[in-house]
Structures are given as structure tokens and as C-alpha cells.
């Protein structure tokens, strides 16, 4: 039970932005709240978890569901996947708009390392433990449903190493029916309205968010 909500990331000074207005308005019109917390450029680092946990506690205390749908846009995919791995029992589903799941592709080890309070070499050595895509089989085993929209020509967050890799992992775990990756031919990492006005993504979130009347 509890009122349905979306846990959104990255919640930063610039995000969510005007591009996402239509999508968020669809959620609100369906009675699904949207919440997030600005933890800075955390890139999926566990340093963000106390803040995510505090937000989750506050939402539940205010009558919202224990299990939100996690929606990660671009680097928001790193926090969505890392949080889901830490708390699979608190996730109703994962949605993504050209999301990052492999921090070696974006922002790269050198840029991600400070967020983890590690050197580049240390982060590389601990990839199996800290890089979400390396542990993504756990998401499939937890039977967490996923819906993603991602462009085939994305050079910032390559489809193959991120969303398509997650899909491959789900299929290898026998959970292929739980993931849908819509691959948009010819689109990159941009503001194409189809990414942000995707009815299927909106419907996935609204349907998966628990407690919906």
C-alpha cells in the first residue's frame, strides 16, 4: 500500500528540467508523486545512500509506498541502479531515459573516483563491487521490472555497454520478460521529444507504482 511515487534522479540544480515537464505532469495527473534529493555528482556512490534513505523514510512517514519506481535520466541511471542493488525490496520498478549503468563509460573512472572517495586505480580494482552493471544480475534475480528508452547513436552513454548490456544480463538470468529496452534508431544523447514524451515509459511507471487507485 501507500501512495504511489517516483524516485527521480539526477536531482541537481538543472534537473529535472523543462524537457521533463510533460512526463512529470502525466505522473501527477495519474496521482503519482515525484520526489528526489540533490546529492551532488555522486555517480552511484554509496555516499549518497544516507540522503536517499532519509528521503525514503520521509516519504513513507508521509503515507507514500515503501516501493517507489526509480526513474534515472542519463547519469541518474547510476544512482537508480546502485540504490536498487542496495535495497531491492524497496523498488517497484526501474525506468530510464538513456541511463548510465556502467561508470567506466560515463563519467569515466577518473571523474567518478572522487565521488567514491577513491583513486582511479582503487575504483577500478573495486569495480565488481561498486559498478552497477557488474552486479546487475542481482536486479534480474530480484525480479525488478525495467523499461528504458535509449538512442542507438548515443556517444555520451553508449547503448551497448549500458541499457543493452542490462537487457542482455536479464535475458541470461531468464528474466528477459521483465525488461524492455526501446532502441531509437539514429538518436543520440539529446533533447529529442520522443525520449521525454514516451507514452510507454509513462504507462510503465504509472502501472508499476503501487497503491494507485
Protein backbone atom coordinates (compact mmCIF):
# COMPACT_ATOMS: atom_id res chain seq x y z
CA UNK A 1 0.00 0.00 0.00
CA UNK A 2 0.81 3.63 0.37
CA UNK A 3 0.52 6.42 -2.15
CA UNK A 4 2.48 5.83 -5.38
CA UNK A 5 5.60 7.81 -6.16
CA UNK A 6 8.59 8.09 -8.46
CA UNK A 7 12.10 8.44 -7.03
CA UNK A 8 13.79 10.63 -9.66
CA UNK A 9 17.42 11.32 -10.47
CA UNK A 10 19.59 13.16 -11.04
CA UNK A 11 18.02 15.82 -8.85
CA UNK A 12 20.51 18.63 -9.45
CA UNK A 13 20.18 22.41 -9.86
CA UNK A 14 19.47 21.92 -13.58
CA UNK A 15 17.33 18.77 -13.27
CA UNK A 16 14.53 17.90 -13.68
CA UNK A 17 14.19 20.42 -16.48
CA UNK A 18 11.61 21.75 -18.91
CA UNK A 19 12.09 18.74 -21.20
CA UNK A 20 10.60 16.54 -18.48
CA UNK A 21 7.58 18.72 -17.71
CA UNK A 22 5.13 16.73 -19.87
CA UNK A 23 6.25 13.41 -18.37
CA UNK A 24 6.02 14.64 -14.78
CA UNK A 25 2.62 16.19 -15.46
CA UNK A 26 1.39 12.77 -16.66
CA UNK A 27 2.58 11.20 -13.40
CA UNK A 28 0.89 13.85 -11.27
CA UNK A 29 -2.34 13.64 -13.27
CA UNK A 30 -2.39 9.89 -12.52
CA UNK A 31 -1.86 10.54 -8.82
CA UNK A 32 1.81 9.54 -8.81
CA UNK A 33 4.10 11.90 -6.89
CA UNK A 34 7.67 12.70 -7.97
CA UNK A 35 10.45 13.13 -5.40
CA UNK A 36 14.23 13.34 -5.36
CA UNK A 37 17.13 14.76 -3.41
CA UNK A 38 20.21 16.67 -4.60
CA UNK A 39 23.30 14.75 -3.52
CA UNK A 40 25.62 16.46 -5.97
CA UNK A 41 27.58 14.50 -8.56
CA UNK A 42 27.56 11.17 -6.73
CA UNK A 43 27.70 8.84 -9.79
CA UNK A 44 26.12 5.97 -7.87
CA UNK A 45 28.44 6.29 -4.89
CA UNK A 46 27.23 4.87 -1.55
CA UNK A 47 27.93 8.32 -0.05
CA UNK A 48 24.51 9.30 -1.42
CA UNK A 49 22.66 6.48 0.30
CA UNK A 50 22.09 8.16 3.70
CA UNK A 51 20.34 11.00 1.87
CA UNK A 52 18.30 8.62 -0.26
CA UNK A 53 17.38 6.66 2.87
CA UNK A 54 16.31 9.85 4.65
CA UNK A 55 14.09 10.82 1.70
CA UNK A 56 12.63 7.31 1.57
CA UNK A 57 11.87 7.39 5.32
CA UNK A 58 10.22 10.80 4.97
CA UNK A 59 8.07 9.68 2.04
CA UNK A 60 6.94 6.51 3.83
CA UNK A 61 6.21 8.51 7.01
CA UNK A 62 4.05 10.82 4.89
CA UNK A 63 1.99 7.88 3.66
CA UNK A 64 3.82 7.02 0.45
CA UNK A 65 4.60 3.49 -0.70
CA UNK A 66 7.62 1.54 0.53
CA UNK A 67 8.39 0.72 -3.10
CA UNK A 68 8.73 3.65 -5.50
CA UNK A 69 9.56 3.34 -9.17
CA UNK A 70 13.11 4.60 -9.76
CA UNK A 71 13.49 6.86 -12.79
CA UNK A 72 17.03 7.66 -13.88
CA UNK A 73 17.85 10.01 -16.72
CA UNK A 74 21.41 9.78 -18.04
CA UNK A 75 23.75 9.71 -15.01
CA UNK A 76 20.65 9.29 -12.85
CA UNK A 77 20.77 5.68 -14.00
CA UNK A 78 23.82 5.14 -11.78
CA UNK A 79 22.01 6.19 -8.62
CA UNK A 80 18.85 4.29 -9.61
CA UNK A 81 20.71 1.05 -10.21
CA UNK A 82 23.05 1.38 -7.21
CA UNK A 83 20.11 2.16 -4.88
CA UNK A 84 18.13 -0.77 -6.31
CA UNK A 85 21.10 -3.09 -5.71
CA UNK A 86 21.37 -1.88 -2.11
CA UNK A 87 17.60 -2.08 -1.48
CA UNK A 88 15.90 -4.44 -3.96
CA UNK A 89 12.99 -4.78 -1.52
CA UNK A 90 12.24 -1.06 -1.86
CA UNK A 91 11.88 -0.91 -5.64
CA UNK A 92 8.69 -1.37 -7.67
CA UNK A 93 10.50 -0.92 -10.97
CA UNK A 94 13.29 0.91 -12.78
CA UNK A 95 12.71 3.28 -15.68
CA UNK A 96 15.42 5.03 -17.67
CA UNK A 97 15.98 7.67 -20.31
CA UNK A 98 19.38 6.96 -21.91
CA UNK A 99 20.61 5.84 -18.47
CA UNK A 100 24.16 5.12 -17.31
CA UNK A 101 24.72 1.76 -15.58
CA UNK A 102 28.47 1.47 -16.23
CA UNK A 103 30.50 4.31 -14.71
CA UNK A 104 33.51 3.46 -16.87
CA UNK A 105 31.53 4.69 -19.91
CA UNK A 106 30.26 7.85 -18.19
CA UNK A 107 31.64 9.81 -16.43
CA UNK A 108 34.70 7.54 -16.67
CA UNK A 109 36.86 6.22 -13.83
CA UNK A 110 38.88 9.42 -13.39
CA UNK A 111 35.81 11.58 -12.88
CA UNK A 112 33.82 9.05 -10.86
CA UNK A 113 36.62 8.17 -8.42
CA UNK A 114 36.44 11.34 -6.26
CA UNK A 115 32.71 10.78 -5.70
CA UNK A 116 33.60 7.38 -4.26
CA UNK A 117 36.46 8.89 -2.21
CA UNK A 118 38.85 6.58 -4.06
CA UNK A 119 41.70 6.94 -6.50
CA UNK A 120 41.08 5.95 -10.09
CA UNK A 121 43.11 2.75 -9.58
CA UNK A 122 41.20 1.90 -6.38
CA UNK A 123 37.83 2.36 -8.06
CA UNK A 124 38.93 0.20 -10.98
CA UNK A 125 40.05 -2.50 -8.55
CA UNK A 126 36.64 -2.45 -6.83
CA UNK A 127 34.50 -2.40 -9.98
CA UNK A 128 32.96 -5.81 -9.32
CA UNK A 129 31.61 -4.43 -6.05
CA UNK A 130 30.80 -0.82 -6.98
CA UNK A 131 29.99 -0.63 -10.71
CA UNK A 132 26.23 -1.31 -11.03
CA UNK A 133 26.44 -3.10 -14.38
CA UNK A 134 28.84 -5.65 -12.87
CA UNK A 135 26.18 -6.62 -10.31
CA UNK A 136 23.12 -6.19 -12.50
CA UNK A 137 22.32 -9.91 -12.41
CA UNK A 138 21.13 -9.30 -8.85
CA UNK A 139 18.44 -6.94 -10.19
CA UNK A 140 17.24 -9.65 -12.57
CA UNK A 141 17.24 -12.23 -9.78
CA UNK A 142 15.22 -9.83 -7.62
CA UNK A 143 12.66 -9.75 -10.47
CA UNK A 144 12.71 -5.94 -10.70
CA UNK A 145 10.89 -4.84 -13.88
CA UNK A 146 12.68 -2.39 -16.17
CA UNK A 147 11.65 -0.06 -19.00
CA UNK A 148 14.26 2.02 -20.87
CA UNK A 149 14.34 4.27 -23.91
CA UNK A 150 17.81 4.83 -25.41
CA UNK A 151 19.18 6.06 -28.74
CA UNK A 152 21.30 3.80 -30.94
CA UNK A 153 23.70 6.65 -31.78
CA UNK A 154 24.39 7.77 -28.20
CA UNK A 155 28.12 8.51 -27.92
CA UNK A 156 27.91 10.00 -24.39
CA UNK A 157 26.23 6.98 -22.80
CA UNK A 158 26.71 4.12 -25.28
CA UNK A 159 23.66 1.89 -25.63
CA UNK A 160 25.65 -1.35 -25.93
CA UNK A 161 27.54 -1.02 -22.64
CA UNK A 162 24.60 0.30 -20.62
CA UNK A 163 20.93 -0.37 -21.44
CA UNK A 164 21.56 -3.14 -23.98
CA UNK A 165 24.03 -4.78 -21.58
CA UNK A 166 21.42 -4.71 -18.80
CA UNK A 167 18.92 -6.31 -21.19
CA UNK A 168 21.48 -9.00 -22.09
CA UNK A 169 22.08 -9.73 -18.39
CA UNK A 170 18.34 -10.00 -17.66
CA UNK A 171 17.93 -12.44 -20.55
CA UNK A 172 20.89 -14.52 -19.35
CA UNK A 173 19.20 -14.76 -15.93
CA UNK A 174 15.94 -15.94 -17.50
CA UNK A 175 14.25 -12.61 -16.75
CA UNK A 176 14.03 -11.26 -20.29
CA UNK A 177 10.27 -10.82 -19.98
CA UNK A 178 10.85 -8.25 -17.21
CA UNK A 179 12.89 -5.79 -19.27
CA UNK A 180 12.04 -3.69 -22.29
CA UNK A 181 14.64 -1.50 -23.97
CA UNK A 182 13.23 0.71 -26.71
CA UNK A 183 16.12 1.45 -29.04
CA UNK A 184 15.60 4.62 -31.07
CA UNK A 185 17.45 4.43 -34.37
CA UNK A 186 19.56 7.47 -35.23
CA UNK A 187 19.08 9.29 -31.93
CA UNK A 188 21.92 10.24 -29.60
CA UNK A 189 22.15 11.86 -26.16
CA UNK A 190 19.87 14.78 -26.78
CA UNK A 191 16.58 16.57 -26.20
CA UNK A 192 14.54 14.72 -28.82
CA UNK A 193 10.97 14.98 -27.52
CA UNK A 194 10.37 11.27 -28.07
CA UNK A 195 12.63 10.49 -25.11
CA UNK A 196 10.64 12.71 -22.78
CA UNK A 197 7.15 12.19 -24.16
CA UNK A 198 7.28 8.41 -24.30
CA UNK A 199 3.79 7.12 -23.50
CA UNK A 200 5.11 3.60 -22.91
CA UNK A 201 7.57 4.81 -20.27
CA UNK A 202 4.89 6.90 -18.56
CA UNK A 203 2.46 3.98 -18.59
CA UNK A 204 5.12 1.62 -17.21
CA UNK A 205 5.78 3.97 -14.28
CA UNK A 206 2.10 4.59 -13.54
CA UNK A 207 1.25 0.88 -13.78
CA UNK A 208 4.19 -0.24 -11.63
CA UNK A 209 3.85 2.43 -8.94
CA UNK A 210 1.96 0.65 -6.14
CA UNK A 211 -1.12 1.92 -4.36
CA UNK A 212 -2.53 3.55 -7.48
CA UNK A 213 -6.32 3.95 -7.27
